[in-house]
PDB file of N, CA and C in Angstrom:
ATOM      1  N   MET A   1      47.515 118.035 155.909  1.00  0.00           N
ATOM      2  CA  MET A   1      46.766 117.345 156.935  1.00  0.00           C
ATOM      3  C   MET A   1      47.506 117.454 158.256  1.00  0.00           C
ATOM      4  N   ASN A   2      46.759 117.551 159.304  1.00  0.00           N
ATOM      5  CA  ASN A   2      47.340 117.692 160.624  1.00  0.00           C
ATOM      6  C   ASN A   2      47.538 116.322 161.282  1.00  0.00           C
ATOM      7  N   VAL A   3      48.640 115.694 160.959  1.00  0.00           N
ATOM      8  CA  VAL A   3      48.963 114.376 161.512  1.00  0.00           C
ATOM      9  C   VAL A   3      49.175 114.468 163.019  1.00  0.00           C
ATOM     10  N   ALA A   4      49.725 115.596 163.476  1.00  0.00           N
ATOM     11  CA  ALA A   4      50.002 115.760 164.907  1.00  0.00           C
ATOM     12  C   ALA A   4      48.736 115.651 165.750  1.00  0.00           C
ATOM     13  N   SER A   5      47.600 116.027 165.194  1.00  0.00           N
ATOM     14  CA  SER A   5      46.347 116.003 165.962  1.00  0.00           C
ATOM     15  C   SER A   5      45.883 114.582 166.285  1.00  0.00           C
ATOM     16  N   VAL A   6      46.390 113.606 165.577  1.00  0.00           N
ATOM     17  CA  VAL A   6      46.001 112.206 165.815  1.00  0.00           C
ATOM     18  C   VAL A   6      47.226 111.347 166.156  1.00  0.00           C
ATOM     19  N   ARG A   7      48.254 112.001 166.649  1.00  0.00           N
ATOM     20  CA  ARG A   7      49.535 111.346 166.943  1.00  0.00           C
ATOM     21  C   ARG A   7      49.369 110.124 167.849  1.00  0.00           C
ATOM     22  N   GLU A   8      48.643 110.281 168.944  1.00  0.00           N
ATOM     23  CA  GLU A   8      48.507 109.182 169.905  1.00  0.00           C
ATOM     24  C   GLU A   8      47.819 107.964 169.290  1.00  0.00           C
ATOM     25  N   GLU A   9      46.783 108.190 168.497  1.00  0.00           N
ATOM     26  CA  GLU A   9      46.094 107.074 167.835  1.00  0.00           C
ATOM     27  C   GLU A   9      47.028 106.356 166.860  1.00  0.00           C
ATOM     28  N   LEU A  10      47.839 107.136 166.147  1.00  0.00           N
ATOM     29  CA  LEU A  10      48.770 106.540 165.191  1.00  0.00           C
ATOM     30  C   LEU A  10      49.882 105.772 165.899  1.00  0.00           C
ATOM     31  N   LEU A  11      50.356 106.296 167.026  1.00  0.00           N
ATOM     32  CA  LEU A  11      51.381 105.576 167.784  1.00  0.00           C
ATOM     33  C   LEU A  11      50.844 104.241 168.300  1.00  0.00           C
ATOM     34  N   LYS A  12      49.597 104.216 168.736  1.00  0.00           N
ATOM     35  CA  LYS A  12      48.982 102.949 169.166  1.00  0.00           C
ATOM     36  C   LYS A  12      48.934 101.957 168.004  1.00  0.00           C
ATOM     37  N   PHE A  13      48.591 102.458 166.817  1.00  0.00           N
ATOM     38  CA  PHE A  13      48.562 101.612 165.622  1.00  0.00           C
ATOM     39  C   PHE A  13      49.954 101.051 165.336  1.00  0.00           C
ATOM     40  N   LEU A  14      50.969 101.910 165.376  1.00  0.00           N
ATOM     41  CA  LEU A  14      52.340 101.463 165.121  1.00  0.00           C
ATOM     42  C   LEU A  14      52.763 100.407 166.137  1.00  0.00           C
ATOM     43  N   ASP A  15      52.424 100.632 167.400  1.00  0.00           N
ATOM     44  CA  ASP A  15      52.766  99.658 168.442  1.00  0.00           C
ATOM     45  C   ASP A  15      52.042  98.331 168.223  1.00  0.00           C
ATOM     46  N   GLU A  16      50.769  98.413 167.830  1.00  0.00           N
ATOM     47  CA  GLU A  16      49.975  97.197 167.606  1.00  0.00           C
ATOM     48  C   GLU A  16      50.607  96.299 166.546  1.00  0.00           C
ATOM     49  N   TYR A  17      51.219  96.915 165.538  1.00  0.00           N
ATOM     50  CA  TYR A  17      51.835  96.154 164.445  1.00  0.00           C
ATOM     51  C   TYR A  17      53.360  96.090 164.558  1.00  0.00           C
ATOM     52  N   SER A  18      53.879  96.462 165.719  1.00  0.00           N
ATOM     53  CA  SER A  18      55.323  96.413 165.996  1.00  0.00           C
ATOM     54  C   SER A  18      56.129  97.181 164.956  1.00  0.00           C
ATOM     55  N   LEU A  19      55.641  98.364 164.606  1.00  0.00           N
ATOM     56  CA  LEU A  19      56.329  99.223 163.649  1.00  0.00           C
ATOM     57  C   LEU A  19      57.051 100.340 164.397  1.00  0.00           C
ATOM     58  N   SER A  20      58.156 100.780 163.848  1.00  0.00           N
ATOM     59  CA  SER A  20      58.957 101.834 164.456  1.00  0.00           C
ATOM     60  C   SER A  20      58.183 103.148 164.520  1.00  0.00           C
ATOM     61  N   HIS A  21      58.393 103.890 165.592  1.00  0.00           N
ATOM     62  CA  HIS A  21      57.776 105.211 165.706  1.00  0.00           C
ATOM     63  C   HIS A  21      58.366 106.192 164.690  1.00  0.00           C
ATOM     64  N   ASP A  22      59.503 105.850 164.092  1.00  0.00           N
ATOM     65  CA  ASP A  22      60.073 106.682 163.026  1.00  0.00           C
ATOM     66  C   ASP A  22      59.115 106.791 161.845  1.00  0.00           C
ATOM     67  N   VAL A  23      58.238 105.818 161.691  1.00  0.00           N
ATOM     68  CA  VAL A  23      57.259 105.842 160.603  1.00  0.00           C
ATOM     69  C   VAL A  23      56.369 107.075 160.726  1.00  0.00           C
ATOM     70  N   LEU A  24      56.093 107.499 161.965  1.00  0.00           N
ATOM     71  CA  LEU A  24      55.271 108.692 162.168  1.00  0.00           C
ATOM     72  C   LEU A  24      55.967 109.932 161.607  1.00  0.00           C
ATOM     73  N   THR A  25      57.283 109.987 161.721  1.00  0.00           N
ATOM     74  CA  THR A  25      58.049 111.089 161.135  1.00  0.00           C
ATOM     75  C   THR A  25      57.898 111.087 159.622  1.00  0.00           C
ATOM     76  N   ASN A  26      57.997 109.908 159.010  1.00  0.00           N
ATOM     77  CA  ASN A  26      57.812 109.798 157.560  1.00  0.00           C
ATOM     78  C   ASN A  26      56.407 110.216 157.152  1.00  0.00           C
ATOM     79  N   LEU A  27      55.414 109.799 157.921  1.00  0.00           N
ATOM     80  CA  LEU A  27      54.027 110.137 157.615  1.00  0.00           C
ATOM     81  C   LEU A  27      53.790 111.639 157.737  1.00  0.00           C
ATOM     82  N   THR A  28      54.344 112.243 158.770  1.00  0.00           N
ATOM     83  CA  THR A  28      54.214 113.688 158.957  1.00  0.00           C
ATOM     84  C   THR A  28      54.850 114.430 157.790  1.00  0.00           C
ATOM     85  N   GLU A  29      56.005 113.968 157.338  1.00  0.00           N
ATOM     86  CA  GLU A  29      56.677 114.562 156.182  1.00  0.00           C
ATOM     87  C   GLU A  29      55.822 114.424 154.928  1.00  0.00           C
ATOM     88  N   ALA A  30      55.270 113.247 154.717  1.00  0.00           N
ATOM     89  CA  ALA A  30      54.465 112.997 153.520  1.00  0.00           C
ATOM     90  C   ALA A  30      53.208 113.854 153.491  1.00  0.00           C
ATOM     91  N   CYS A  31      52.641 114.117 154.649  1.00  0.00           N
ATOM     92  CA  CYS A  31      51.372 114.852 154.717  1.00  0.00           C
ATOM     93  C   CYS A  31      51.557 116.337 154.995  1.00  0.00           C
ATOM     94  N   GLY A  32      52.792 116.770 155.177  1.00  0.00           N
ATOM     95  CA  GLY A  32      53.050 118.146 155.574  1.00  0.00           C
ATOM     96  C   GLY A  32      53.048 119.157 154.457  1.00  0.00           C
ATOM     97  N   SER A  33      53.013 118.712 153.230  1.00  0.00           N
ATOM     98  CA  SER A  33      53.077 119.620 152.090  1.00  0.00           C
ATOM     99  C   SER A  33      51.768 119.587 151.322  1.00  0.00           C
ATOM    100  N   ALA A  34      51.369 120.746 150.832  1.00  0.00           N
ATOM    101  CA  ALA A  34      50.170 120.812 149.990  1.00  0.00           C
ATOM    102  C   ALA A  34      50.464 120.283 148.589  1.00  0.00           C
ATOM    103  N   LEU A  35      51.740 120.213 148.254  1.00  0.00           N
ATOM    104  CA  LEU A  35      52.147 119.715 146.941  1.00  0.00           C
ATOM    105  C   LEU A  35      52.518 118.239 147.042  1.00  0.00           C
ATOM    106  N   PRO A  36      52.413 117.510 145.950  1.00  0.00           N
ATOM    107  CA  PRO A  36      52.832 116.098 145.977  1.00  0.00           C
ATOM    108  C   PRO A  36      54.297 115.977 146.386  1.00  0.00           C
ATOM    109  N   THR A  37      54.589 114.986 147.176  1.00  0.00           N
ATOM    110  CA  THR A  37      55.944 114.787 147.659  1.00  0.00           C
ATOM    111  C   THR A  37      56.289 113.301 147.627  1.00  0.00           C
ATOM    112  N   SER A  38      57.556 113.006 147.519  1.00  0.00           N
ATOM    113  CA  SER A  38      58.019 111.617 147.588  1.00  0.00           C
ATOM    114  C   SER A  38      58.609 111.387 148.964  1.00  0.00           C
ATOM    115  N   THR A  39      58.093 110.406 149.652  1.00  0.00           N
ATOM    116  CA  THR A  39      58.584 110.061 150.982  1.00  0.00           C
ATOM    117  C   THR A  39      58.901 108.579 150.994  1.00  0.00           C
ATOM    118  N   LEU A  40      60.059 108.246 151.519  1.00  0.00           N
ATOM    119  CA  LEU A  40      60.487 106.856 151.587  1.00  0.00           C
ATOM    120  C   LEU A  40      60.054 106.252 152.918  1.00  0.00           C
ATOM    121  N   PHE A  41      59.217 105.242 152.851  1.00  0.00           N
ATOM    122  CA  PHE A  41      58.814 104.480 154.026  1.00  0.00           C
ATOM    123  C   PHE A  41      59.559 103.152 153.963  1.00  0.00           C
ATOM    124  N   TYR A  42      60.142 102.749 155.066  1.00  0.00           N
ATOM    125  CA  TYR A  42      60.840 101.458 155.100  1.00  0.00           C
ATOM    126  C   TYR A  42      59.872 100.367 155.557  1.00  0.00           C
ATOM    127  N   LEU A  43      58.776 100.229 154.788  1.00  0.00           N
ATOM    128  CA  LEU A  43      57.726  99.254 155.065  1.00  0.00           C
ATOM    129  C   LEU A  43      57.306  98.611 153.760  1.00  0.00           C
ATOM    130  N   ASN A  44      56.640  97.468 153.848  1.00  0.00           N
ATOM    131  CA  ASN A  44      56.097  96.890 152.624  1.00  0.00           C
ATOM    132  C   ASN A  44      54.820  97.640 152.237  1.00  0.00           C
ATOM    133  N   SER A  45      54.379  97.436 151.021  1.00  0.00           N
ATOM    134  CA  SER A  45      53.244  98.198 150.497  1.00  0.00           C
ATOM    135  C   SER A  45      51.986  98.040 151.335  1.00  0.00           C
ATOM    136  N   MET A  46      51.685  96.823 151.766  1.00  0.00           N
ATOM    137  CA  MET A  46      50.457  96.614 152.538  1.00  0.00           C
ATOM    138  C   MET A  46      50.505  97.340 153.876  1.00  0.00           C
ATOM    139  N   ALA A  47      51.664  97.401 154.503  1.00  0.00           N
ATOM    140  CA  ALA A  47      51.787  98.128 155.768  1.00  0.00           C
ATOM    141  C   ALA A  47      51.554  99.620 155.551  1.00  0.00           C
ATOM    142  N   ILE A  48      52.048 100.150 154.441  1.00  0.00           N
ATOM    143  CA  ILE A  48      51.836 101.568 154.144  1.00  0.00           C
ATOM    144  C   ILE A  48      50.361 101.838 153.862  1.00  0.00           C
ATOM    145  N   VAL A  49      49.728 100.968 153.099  1.00  0.00           N
ATOM    146  CA  VAL A  49      48.293 101.118 152.824  1.00  0.00           C
ATOM    147  C   VAL A  49      47.513 101.084 154.135  1.00  0.00           C
ATOM    148  N   MET A  50      47.833 100.147 155.008  1.00  0.00           N
ATOM    149  CA  MET A  50      47.146 100.058 156.301  1.00  0.00           C
ATOM    150  C   MET A  50      47.363 101.320 157.128  1.00  0.00           C
ATOM    151  N   LEU A  51      48.555 101.894 157.055  1.00  0.00           N
ATOM    152  CA  LEU A  51      48.854 103.130 157.772  1.00  0.00           C
ATOM    153  C   LEU A  51      47.976 104.272 157.263  1.00  0.00           C
ATOM    154  N   PHE A  52      47.850 104.399 155.951  1.00  0.00           N
ATOM    155  CA  PHE A  52      47.003 105.457 155.405  1.00  0.00           C
ATOM    156  C   PHE A  52      45.523 105.176 155.642  1.00  0.00           C
ATOM    157  N   ASP A  53      45.123 103.908 155.666  1.00  0.00           N
ATOM    158  CA  ASP A  53      43.748 103.566 156.048  1.00  0.00           C
ATOM    159  C   ASP A  53      43.465 104.072 157.461  1.00  0.00           C
ATOM    160  N   LYS A  54      44.413 103.851 158.357  1.00  0.00           N
ATOM    161  CA  LYS A  54      44.260 104.302 159.745  1.00  0.00           C
ATOM    162  C   LYS A  54      44.208 105.817 159.808  1.00  0.00           C
ATOM    163  N   LEU A  55      45.092 106.484 159.081  1.00  0.00           N
ATOM    164  CA  LEU A  55      45.096 107.945 159.066  1.00  0.00           C
ATOM    165  C   LEU A  55      43.748 108.478 158.591  1.00  0.00           C
ATOM    166  N   ALA A  56      43.214 107.899 157.537  1.00  0.00           N
ATOM    167  CA  ALA A  56      41.916 108.337 157.012  1.00  0.00           C
ATOM    168  C   ALA A  56      40.818 108.163 158.054  1.00  0.00           C
ATOM    169  N   SER A  57      40.835 107.048 158.768  1.00  0.00           N
ATOM    170  CA  SER A  57      39.798 106.828 159.780  1.00  0.00           C
ATOM    171  C   SER A  57      39.938 107.802 160.948  1.00  0.00           C
ATOM    172  N   CYS A  58      41.163 108.252 161.221  1.00  0.00           N
ATOM    173  CA  CYS A  58      41.398 109.223 162.295  1.00  0.00           C
ATOM    174  C   CYS A  58      41.034 110.644 161.879  1.00  0.00           C
ATOM    175  N   LEU A  59      41.057 110.907 160.582  1.00  0.00           N
ATOM    176  CA  LEU A  59      40.755 112.247 160.055  1.00  0.00           C
ATOM    177  C   LEU A  59      39.618 112.147 159.039  1.00  0.00           C
ATOM    178  N   PRO A  60      38.403 111.850 159.499  1.00  0.00           N
ATOM    179  CA  PRO A  60      37.302 111.581 158.568  1.00  0.00           C
ATOM    180  C   PRO A  60      36.884 112.771 157.709  1.00  0.00           C
ATOM    181  N   ASN A  61      37.275 113.972 158.084  1.00  0.00           N
ATOM    182  CA  ASN A  61      36.909 115.142 157.280  1.00  0.00           C
ATOM    183  C   ASN A  61      37.947 115.476 156.215  1.00  0.00           C
ATOM    184  N   ALA A  62      39.032 114.724 156.183  1.00  0.00           N
ATOM    185  CA  ALA A  62      40.091 114.970 155.199  1.00  0.00           C
ATOM    186  C   ALA A  62      39.871 114.103 153.962  1.00  0.00           C
ATOM    187  N   SER A  63      40.088 114.695 152.813  1.00  0.00           N
ATOM    188  CA  SER A  63      40.072 113.954 151.546  1.00  0.00           C
ATOM    189  C   SER A  63      41.476 114.021 150.975  1.00  0.00           C
ATOM    190  N   PHE A  64      42.011 112.878 150.582  1.00  0.00           N
ATOM    191  CA  PHE A  64      43.366 112.856 150.046  1.00  0.00           C
ATOM    192  C   PHE A  64      43.583 111.594 149.230  1.00  0.00           C
ATOM    193  N   ALA A  65      44.653 111.599 148.473  1.00  0.00           N
ATOM    194  CA  ALA A  65      45.030 110.448 147.652  1.00  0.00           C
ATOM    195  C   ALA A  65      46.502 110.145 147.884  1.00  0.00           C
ATOM    196  N   VAL A  66      46.844 108.873 147.812  1.00  0.00           N
ATOM    197  CA  VAL A  66      48.240 108.445 147.923  1.00  0.00           C
ATOM    198  C   VAL A  66      48.511 107.382 146.873  1.00  0.00           C
ATOM    199  N   LYS A  67      49.751 107.360 146.422  1.00  0.00           N
ATOM    200  CA  LYS A  67      50.164 106.291 145.520  1.00  0.00           C
ATOM    201  C   LYS A  67      51.562 105.871 145.919  1.00  0.00           C
ATOM    202  N   GLY A  68      51.850 104.615 145.683  1.00  0.00           N
ATOM    203  CA  GLY A  68      53.143 104.120 146.094  1.00  0.00           C
ATOM    204  C   GLY A  68      53.658 103.048 145.168  1.00  0.00           C
ATOM    205  N   SER A  69      54.946 102.814 145.302  1.00  0.00           N
ATOM    206  CA  SER A  69      55.578 101.739 144.545  1.00  0.00           C
ATOM    207  C   SER A  69      56.677 101.134 145.400  1.00  0.00           C
ATOM    208  N   GLY A  70      56.809  99.829 145.274  1.00  0.00           N
ATOM    209  CA  GLY A  70      57.833  99.110 146.013  1.00  0.00           C
ATOM    210  C   GLY A  70      59.025  98.815 145.129  1.00  0.00           C
ATOM    211  N   GLU A  71      59.831  97.877 145.565  1.00  0.00           N
ATOM    212  CA  GLU A  71      61.036  97.537 144.821  1.00  0.00           C
ATOM    213  C   GLU A  71      60.731  96.806 143.525  1.00  0.00           C
ATOM    214  N   ASP A  72      59.697  95.979 143.525  1.00  0.00           N
ATOM    215  CA  ASP A  72      59.327  95.234 142.331  1.00  0.00           C
ATOM    216  C   ASP A  72      58.590  96.144 141.354  1.00  0.00           C
ATOM    217  N   HIS A  73      58.836  95.963 140.072  1.00  0.00           N
ATOM    218  CA  HIS A  73      58.231  96.803 139.035  1.00  0.00           C
ATOM    219  C   HIS A  73      56.705  96.826 139.116  1.00  0.00           C
ATOM    220  N   ARG A  74      56.097  95.710 139.477  1.00  0.00           N
ATOM    221  CA  ARG A  74      54.632  95.630 139.539  1.00  0.00           C
ATOM    222  C   ARG A  74      54.066  95.938 140.923  1.00  0.00           C
ATOM    223  N   ASP A  75      54.920  96.259 141.861  1.00  0.00           N
ATOM    224  CA  ASP A  75      54.467  96.592 143.210  1.00  0.00           C
ATOM    225  C   ASP A  75      54.052  98.058 143.239  1.00  0.00           C
ATOM    226  N   ILE A  76      52.872  98.323 142.696  1.00  0.00           N
ATOM    227  CA  ILE A  76      52.327  99.677 142.638  1.00  0.00           C
ATOM    228  C   ILE A  76      50.918  99.666 143.216  1.00  0.00           C
ATOM    229  N   TRP A  77      50.501 100.798 143.747  1.00  0.00           N
ATOM    230  CA  TRP A  77      49.170 100.892 144.326  1.00  0.00           C
ATOM    231  C   TRP A  77      48.744 102.354 144.410  1.00  0.00           C
ATOM    232  N   VAL A  78      47.455 102.559 144.550  1.00  0.00           N
ATOM    233  CA  VAL A  78      46.898 103.898 144.726  1.00  0.00           C
ATOM    234  C   VAL A  78      45.659 103.793 145.603  1.00  0.00           C
ATOM    235  N   ARG A  79      45.437 104.822 146.410  1.00  0.00           N
ATOM    236  CA  ARG A  79      44.231 104.919 147.228  1.00  0.00           C
ATOM    237  C   ARG A  79      43.745 106.367 147.209  1.00  0.00           C
ATOM    238  N   GLU A  80      42.422 106.530 147.192  1.00  0.00           N
ATOM    239  CA  GLU A  80      41.788 107.834 147.375  1.00  0.00           C
ATOM    240  C   GLU A  80      40.866 107.703 148.576  1.00  0.00           C
ATOM    241  N   TYR A  81      40.939 108.682 149.470  1.00  0.00           N
ATOM    242  CA  TYR A  81      40.176 108.634 150.713  1.00  0.00           C
ATOM    243  C   TYR A  81      39.238 109.830 150.828  1.00  0.00           C
ATOM    244  N   ALA A  82      38.062 109.587 151.391  1.00  0.00           N
ATOM    245  CA  ALA A  82      37.105 110.633 151.746  1.00  0.00           C
ATOM    246  C   ALA A  82      36.203 110.070 152.840  1.00  0.00           C
ATOM    247  N   ASP A  83      35.757 110.913 153.718  1.00  0.00           N
ATOM    248  CA  ASP A  83      34.845 110.500 154.795  1.00  0.00           C
ATOM    249  C   ASP A  83      35.404 109.356 155.634  1.00  0.00           C
ATOM    250  N   GLY A  84      36.729 109.318 155.786  1.00  0.00           N
ATOM    251  CA  GLY A  84      37.359 108.338 156.658  1.00  0.00           C
ATOM    252  C   GLY A  84      37.602 106.962 156.070  1.00  0.00           C
ATOM    253  N   VAL A  85      37.269 106.781 154.791  1.00  0.00           N
ATOM    254  CA  VAL A  85      37.450 105.465 154.160  1.00  0.00           C
ATOM    255  C   VAL A  85      38.033 105.615 152.756  1.00  0.00           C
ATOM    256  N   ALA A  86      38.570 104.517 152.247  1.00  0.00           N
ATOM    257  CA  ALA A  86      39.055 104.497 150.864  1.00  0.00           C
ATOM    258  C   ALA A  86      37.845 104.405 149.941  1.00  0.00           C
ATOM    259  N   ASN A  87      37.732 105.357 149.020  1.00  0.00           N
ATOM    260  CA  ASN A  87      36.627 105.295 148.060  1.00  0.00           C
ATOM    261  C   ASN A  87      37.113 104.869 146.678  1.00  0.00           C
ATOM    262  N   PHE A  88      38.419 104.698 146.537  1.00  0.00           N
ATOM    263  CA  PHE A  88      39.003 104.109 145.332  1.00  0.00           C
ATOM    264  C   PHE A  88      40.282 103.414 145.750  1.00  0.00           C
ATOM    265  N   GLU A  89      40.485 102.214 145.245  1.00  0.00           N
ATOM    266  CA  GLU A  89      41.732 101.508 145.530  1.00  0.00           C
ATOM    267  C   GLU A  89      42.114 100.610 144.368  1.00  0.00           C
ATOM    268  N   ALA A  90      43.413 100.564 144.129  1.00  0.00           N
ATOM    269  CA  ALA A  90      43.976  99.675 143.114  1.00  0.00           C
ATOM    270  C   ALA A  90      45.339  99.217 143.618  1.00  0.00           C
ATOM    271  N   GLY A  91      45.573  97.911 143.554  1.00  0.00           N
ATOM    272  CA  GLY A  91      46.847  97.345 143.964  1.00  0.00           C
ATOM    273  C   GLY A  91      46.996  97.311 145.475  1.00  0.00           C
ATOM    274  N   PRO A  92      48.143  96.834 145.945  1.00  0.00           N
ATOM    275  CA  PRO A  92      49.229  96.280 145.159  1.00  0.00           C
ATOM    276  C   PRO A  92      48.799  94.987 144.466  1.00  0.00           C
ATOM    277  N   PHE A  93      49.376  94.783 143.326  1.00  0.00           N
ATOM    278  CA  PHE A  93      48.974  93.674 142.473  1.00  0.00           C
ATOM    279  C   PHE A  93      49.851  92.461 142.719  1.00  0.00           C
ATOM    280  N   ASP A  94      49.236  91.288 142.779  1.00  0.00           N
ATOM    281  CA  ASP A  94      49.979  90.035 142.908  1.00  0.00           C
ATOM    282  C   ASP A  94      50.428  89.593 141.530  1.00  0.00           C
ATOM    283  N   GLU A  95      51.571  88.959 141.493  1.00  0.00           N
ATOM    284  CA  GLU A  95      52.055  88.453 140.207  1.00  0.00           C
ATOM    285  C   GLU A  95      51.480  87.094 139.942  1.00  0.00           C
TER     286      GLU A  95
END
């Protein structure tokens, strides 16, 4: 996915939520490979989900899936995106 093409929109999102612009580097790394990759985001699960929700809305023609896990064993989640929205979502789960 071409994250660079929506860089300005993503930076506005990061600023709106007072998140570091370094997150954009992590996102570019995560989306830069056609193969599954592990990327460490220094954010909580909901912030990462919101980031990918924003990315999907910025790239409505892209279809992709992401999954993540936090420090807690049950802090797991998955999202599948198409047409700019999540069409499948599970987690993160509350204990």
